[in-house]
Amino acid sequence: MKFLSRFYIGLILFFLYAPVLVMIVFSFNSSSSVWVFEEFSTKWYLGLLSDSTMLTALKHTLIIAVLSALISTVLGTAAAVGIMAIRNKLANRLIMGATNIPMMNADIVTGISLMLLFIFIGKLFGMTESLGFATVLIAHITFNLPYVILSVMPKLKQTDANLHEAALDLGCTPVKAFFKVILPSISTGIMTGMIMAFTLSLDDFVISYFTCGHYQTLPIIIYNMTKKSVTPDTYALSTLIFIVIFVLLIFYNMISSKNEAKTTKRRV
């Protein structure tokens, strides 16, 4: 039984990571062949430096990912605090239900609905170009918010409500009490939400495709390349993105482990 379970897990891991491993290996291939590995070379990585289209798309992607992660983290944290302050159970459930809709909704539905909304608003104000940087950023903030809220909420629930009241009794203003007491206790949840928002924004294609206009991100550029041929420098860039995401996931797991350890100590 143990052998079968280990074999099953191994098979799943193989199908998940074998394609990534092949991509990483052939990103160091001296030729453009995806069948024969001739010799080790880093020319595709060096070639990225001269590919202006790819670098521009990467810059756009990073700008959107960083800004959407920061803004959605601030808004999501404020929203989580506000939701926790609602004492009415029915209102709380309704708000949480509305928060979960963007996560459960199909990306194509979200993308098309946002595109129609942006075009409508653009026509309303007489804009010649409705879609661009701002619409992509707003769209990414929209689908990132629920993940930040759901990352911060558990930390708020674990925080002792008496701490905030004690800070107020000791002379702190409500704002100062939040930054001095509440914020440090939920910082791991905030960091988790921000990392998740960044990775989701970096990887998004469907919603960006419908809301980008002429402001194209890296996933869209790579998708357009697949209509003709994918050059090996794309393997190199994808490898670098995978490494960045992998490091962020390790960092995320470290934060989660520390959080669990602290929670266990408090319970003991």
Protein backbone atom coordinates (compact mmCIF):
# COMPACT_ATOMS: atom_id res chain seq x y z
CA MET A 1 0.00 0.00 0.00
CA LYS A 2 2.82 2.39 0.89
CA PHE A 3 4.56 1.57 -2.40
CA LEU A 4 1.42 2.39 -4.40
CA SER A 5 0.87 5.68 -2.57
CA ARG A 6 4.52 6.72 -3.08
CA PHE A 7 4.38 5.67 -6.73
CA TYR A 8 1.19 7.68 -7.22
CA ILE A 9 2.70 10.79 -5.60
CA GLY A 10 5.89 10.35 -7.62
CA LEU A 11 3.87 10.06 -10.83
CA ILE A 12 1.97 13.26 -10.06
CA LEU A 13 5.20 15.13 -9.28
CA PHE A 14 6.75 13.82 -12.51
CA PHE A 15 3.91 15.09 -14.69
CA LEU A 16 3.89 18.42 -12.84
CA TYR A 17 7.61 19.17 -12.95
CA ALA A 18 9.03 17.19 -15.87
CA PRO A 19 7.89 19.82 -18.43
CA VAL A 20 9.48 22.57 -16.34
CA LEU A 21 12.70 20.58 -16.05
CA VAL A 22 12.80 20.06 -19.83
CA MET A 23 12.28 23.78 -20.38
CA ILE A 24 15.11 24.65 -17.97
CA VAL A 25 17.49 22.17 -19.61
CA PHE A 26 16.82 23.37 -23.16
CA SER A 27 17.12 27.01 -22.12
CA PHE A 28 20.85 26.22 -21.83
CA ASN A 29 21.02 24.46 -25.20
CA SER A 30 23.37 26.08 -27.73
CA SER A 31 20.97 25.30 -30.60
CA SER A 32 17.30 26.08 -31.06
CA SER A 33 16.42 22.38 -31.23
CA VAL A 34 13.95 20.98 -28.71
CA TRP A 35 15.01 17.41 -29.50
CA VAL A 36 18.81 17.37 -29.36
CA PHE A 37 20.89 18.99 -26.64
CA GLU A 38 24.15 19.96 -28.39
CA GLU A 39 26.18 21.77 -25.72
CA PHE A 40 25.78 23.97 -22.68
CA SER A 41 25.39 27.66 -23.49
CA THR A 42 23.94 30.81 -21.94
CA LYS A 43 23.46 32.65 -25.23
CA TRP A 44 19.65 32.63 -24.96
CA TYR A 45 19.89 34.38 -21.60
CA LEU A 46 22.28 36.94 -23.08
CA GLY A 47 19.95 37.29 -26.07
CA LEU A 48 17.20 38.51 -23.77
CA LEU A 49 19.19 41.69 -23.19
CA SER A 50 18.85 42.64 -26.88
CA ASP A 51 15.20 41.63 -27.26
CA SER A 52 13.47 44.98 -26.78
CA THR A 53 9.94 43.58 -27.26
CA MET A 54 10.40 40.93 -24.57
CA LEU A 55 12.08 43.33 -22.14
CA THR A 56 9.35 45.93 -22.60
CA ALA A 57 6.67 43.30 -21.94
CA LEU A 58 8.60 42.11 -18.87
CA LYS A 59 8.82 45.69 -17.58
CA HIS A 60 5.08 46.14 -18.07
CA THR A 61 4.39 42.86 -16.25
CA LEU A 62 6.61 43.72 -13.28
CA ILE A 63 5.16 47.24 -12.97
CA ILE A 64 1.60 45.88 -12.96
CA ALA A 65 2.50 43.03 -10.57
CA VAL A 66 4.27 45.27 -8.03
CA LEU A 67 1.70 48.07 -8.09
CA SER A 68 -1.32 45.74 -7.98
CA ALA A 69 0.24 43.74 -5.13
CA LEU A 70 0.96 46.86 -3.06
CA ILE A 71 -2.40 48.54 -3.69
CA SER A 72 -4.45 45.37 -3.21
CA THR A 73 -2.53 44.64 0.01
CA VAL A 74 -3.38 48.05 1.47
CA LEU A 75 -7.02 47.89 0.35
CA GLY A 76 -7.39 44.21 1.28
CA THR A 77 -5.97 44.75 4.77
CA ALA A 78 -8.30 47.70 5.37
CA ALA A 79 -11.23 45.66 4.04
CA ALA A 80 -10.38 42.70 6.31
CA VAL A 81 -10.24 44.97 9.36
CA GLY A 82 -13.58 46.51 8.35
CA ILE A 83 -15.22 43.12 7.84
CA MET A 84 -14.00 41.93 11.24
CA ALA A 85 -15.52 45.04 12.83
CA ILE A 86 -19.01 44.12 11.53
CA ARG A 87 -20.91 42.42 14.35
CA ASN A 88 -24.01 41.52 12.35
CA LYS A 89 -23.53 37.88 11.29
CA LEU A 90 -25.83 38.11 8.27
CA ALA A 91 -24.10 41.23 6.92
CA ASN A 92 -20.72 39.61 7.56
CA ARG A 93 -21.68 36.49 5.62
CA LEU A 94 -23.08 38.52 2.72
CA ILE A 95 -19.89 40.58 2.45
CA MET A 96 -17.69 37.47 2.63
CA GLY A 97 -19.85 35.83 -0.03
CA ALA A 98 -19.39 38.85 -2.29
CA THR A 99 -15.64 38.72 -1.58
CA ASN A 100 -15.43 35.09 -2.69
CA ILE A 101 -17.23 35.65 -6.00
CA PRO A 102 -14.16 36.95 -7.93
CA MET A 103 -12.20 33.86 -6.81
CA MET A 104 -14.88 31.38 -7.90
CA ASN A 105 -15.90 33.25 -11.04
CA ALA A 106 -14.36 32.12 -14.35
CA ASP A 107 -11.47 34.34 -15.49
CA ILE A 108 -12.98 34.76 -18.94
CA VAL A 109 -16.23 36.07 -17.41
CA THR A 110 -14.33 38.51 -15.20
CA GLY A 111 -12.16 39.63 -18.11
CA ILE A 112 -15.05 40.22 -20.51
CA SER A 113 -17.19 42.01 -17.89
CA LEU A 114 -14.33 44.31 -16.91
CA MET A 115 -13.55 45.01 -20.58
CA LEU A 116 -17.18 46.01 -21.24
CA LEU A 117 -17.20 48.19 -18.12
CA PHE A 118 -14.00 50.00 -19.10
CA ILE A 119 -15.18 50.54 -22.68
CA PHE A 120 -18.53 51.87 -21.44
CA ILE A 121 -16.85 54.32 -19.06
CA GLY A 122 -14.40 55.34 -21.78
CA LYS A 123 -17.22 56.08 -24.24
CA LEU A 124 -19.11 57.91 -21.48
CA PHE A 125 -16.21 60.32 -21.01
CA GLY A 126 -15.43 60.53 -24.74
CA MET A 127 -12.09 58.71 -24.55
CA THR A 128 -10.61 57.48 -27.83
CA GLU A 129 -8.71 54.64 -26.14
CA SER A 130 -10.50 52.99 -23.23
CA LEU A 131 -8.07 50.17 -22.49
CA GLY A 132 -4.47 50.51 -21.34
CA PHE A 133 -2.22 50.60 -18.30
CA ALA A 134 -4.89 51.88 -15.90
CA THR A 135 -7.47 49.26 -16.89
CA VAL A 136 -5.00 46.39 -16.51
CA LEU A 137 -3.94 47.69 -13.10
CA ILE A 138 -7.55 48.05 -11.90
CA ALA A 139 -8.37 44.56 -13.20
CA HIS A 140 -5.41 43.02 -11.38
CA ILE A 141 -6.28 44.81 -8.16
CA THR A 142 -9.85 43.51 -8.50
CA PHE A 143 -8.93 39.82 -8.66
CA ASN A 144 -6.10 40.17 -6.12
CA LEU A 145 -8.23 41.74 -3.37
CA PRO A 146 -10.07 38.56 -2.25
CA TYR A 147 -6.80 36.65 -1.83
CA VAL A 148 -5.35 39.41 0.36
CA ILE A 149 -8.53 39.61 2.44
CA LEU A 150 -8.60 35.85 2.99
CA SER A 151 -4.91 35.89 3.96
CA VAL A 152 -5.34 38.65 6.54
CA MET A 153 -8.66 37.51 8.05
CA PRO A 154 -7.29 34.41 9.87
CA LYS A 155 -4.56 36.53 11.49
CA LEU A 156 -7.14 39.05 12.68
CA LYS A 157 -9.22 36.24 14.17
CA GLN A 158 -6.13 34.96 16.04
CA THR A 159 -5.36 38.42 17.43
CA ASP A 160 -6.65 39.11 20.93
CA ALA A 161 -9.31 41.82 20.69
CA ASN A 162 -8.37 43.07 24.16
CA LEU A 163 -4.97 44.24 22.89
CA HIS A 164 -6.54 47.05 20.90
CA GLU A 165 -8.70 48.14 23.82
CA ALA A 166 -5.70 48.02 26.16
CA ALA A 167 -3.73 50.27 23.80
CA LEU A 168 -6.63 52.75 23.76
CA ASP A 169 -6.78 52.70 27.58
CA LEU A 170 -3.05 53.47 27.69
CA GLY A 171 -3.53 56.64 25.65
CA CYS A 172 -3.14 55.53 22.03
CA THR A 173 -5.42 56.94 19.38
CA PRO A 174 -7.35 54.35 17.31
CA VAL A 175 -5.00 54.88 14.36
CA LYS A 176 -1.87 54.66 16.50
CA ALA A 177 -3.22 51.57 18.28
CA PHE A 178 -3.77 49.88 14.91
CA PHE A 179 -0.23 50.55 13.71
CA LYS A 180 1.40 49.76 17.07
CA VAL A 181 -0.61 46.69 18.10
CA ILE A 182 -2.79 45.20 15.37
CA LEU A 183 -0.50 45.65 12.38
CA PRO A 184 2.52 43.79 13.86
CA SER A 185 0.31 40.87 14.89
CA ILE A 186 -1.14 40.45 11.38
CA SER A 187 2.08 41.25 9.47
CA THR A 188 2.65 37.62 8.41
CA GLY A 189 -0.85 37.47 6.90
CA ILE A 190 -0.23 40.75 5.08
CA MET A 191 3.07 39.48 3.67
CA THR A 192 1.42 36.24 2.60
CA GLY A 193 -1.36 38.11 0.81
CA MET A 194 1.10 40.45 -0.92
CA ILE A 195 3.27 37.58 -2.18
CA MET A 196 0.21 35.73 -3.44
CA ALA A 197 -1.10 38.88 -5.16
CA PHE A 198 2.27 39.44 -6.84
CA THR A 199 2.52 35.88 -8.17
CA LEU A 200 -1.09 35.85 -9.40
CA SER A 201 -0.61 39.18 -11.17
CA LEU A 202 2.69 38.06 -12.70
CA ASP A 203 1.07 34.93 -14.11
CA ASP A 204 -2.29 36.29 -15.28
CA PHE A 205 -3.17 36.03 -18.96
CA VAL A 206 -6.94 35.82 -19.50
CA ILE A 207 -8.04 38.97 -17.64
CA SER A 208 -5.02 40.93 -18.92
CA TYR A 209 -5.82 39.86 -22.49
CA PHE A 210 -9.29 41.44 -22.37
CA THR A 211 -8.27 44.65 -20.58
CA CYS A 212 -4.80 45.48 -21.90
CA GLY A 213 -5.45 47.34 -25.17
CA HIS A 214 -1.99 48.29 -26.48
CA TYR A 215 -0.37 47.81 -23.06
CA GLN A 216 0.74 44.21 -23.47
CA THR A 217 2.20 42.12 -20.67
CA LEU A 218 4.61 39.19 -20.94
CA PRO A 219 2.01 36.37 -20.96
CA ILE A 220 0.23 38.09 -23.87
CA ILE A 221 3.47 38.50 -25.84
CA ILE A 222 4.32 34.82 -25.31
CA TYR A 223 0.80 33.81 -26.35
CA ASN A 224 1.15 35.83 -29.57
CA MET A 225 4.48 34.12 -30.24
CA THR A 226 2.89 30.65 -30.05
CA LYS A 227 0.87 31.48 -33.16
CA LYS A 228 4.14 31.40 -35.13
CA SER A 229 7.05 29.90 -33.20
CA VAL A 230 8.42 30.18 -29.69
CA THR A 231 12.08 31.18 -29.70
CA PRO A 232 14.50 29.61 -27.19
CA ASP A 233 15.03 32.92 -25.41
CA THR A 234 11.43 32.48 -24.21
CA TYR A 235 12.57 29.31 -22.43
CA ALA A 236 15.29 31.34 -20.72
CA LEU A 237 12.86 34.04 -19.62
CA SER A 238 10.33 31.46 -18.41
CA THR A 239 13.10 29.76 -16.43
CA LEU A 240 13.97 33.03 -14.71
CA ILE A 241 10.30 33.66 -13.88
CA PHE A 242 9.97 30.11 -12.51
CA ILE A 243 13.00 30.63 -10.27
CA VAL A 244 11.58 33.92 -8.95
CA ILE A 245 8.19 32.31 -8.23
CA PHE A 246 9.91 29.31 -6.63
CA VAL A 247 11.90 31.57 -4.30
CA LEU A 248 8.76 33.51 -3.39
CA LEU A 249 6.94 30.25 -2.60
CA ILE A 250 9.80 29.16 -0.33
CA PHE A 251 9.59 32.54 1.40
CA TYR A 252 5.82 32.12 1.70
CA ASN A 253 6.22 28.65 3.27
CA MET A 254 8.81 30.01 5.72
CA ILE A 255 6.39 32.73 6.82
CA SER A 256 3.58 30.17 7.19
CA SER A 257 5.81 27.85 9.23
CA LYS A 258 6.85 30.65 11.58
CA ASN A 259 3.22 31.67 11.92
CA GLU A 260 2.16 28.13 12.85
CA ALA A 261 5.03 27.84 15.32
CA LYS A 262 4.03 31.09 17.05
CA THR A 263 0.39 30.01 17.19
CA THR A 264 1.37 26.66 18.73
CA LYS A 265 3.51 28.37 21.40
CA ARG A 266 0.66 30.70 22.34
CA ARG A 267 -1.73 27.77 22.71
CA VAL A 268 0.75 25.88 24.88
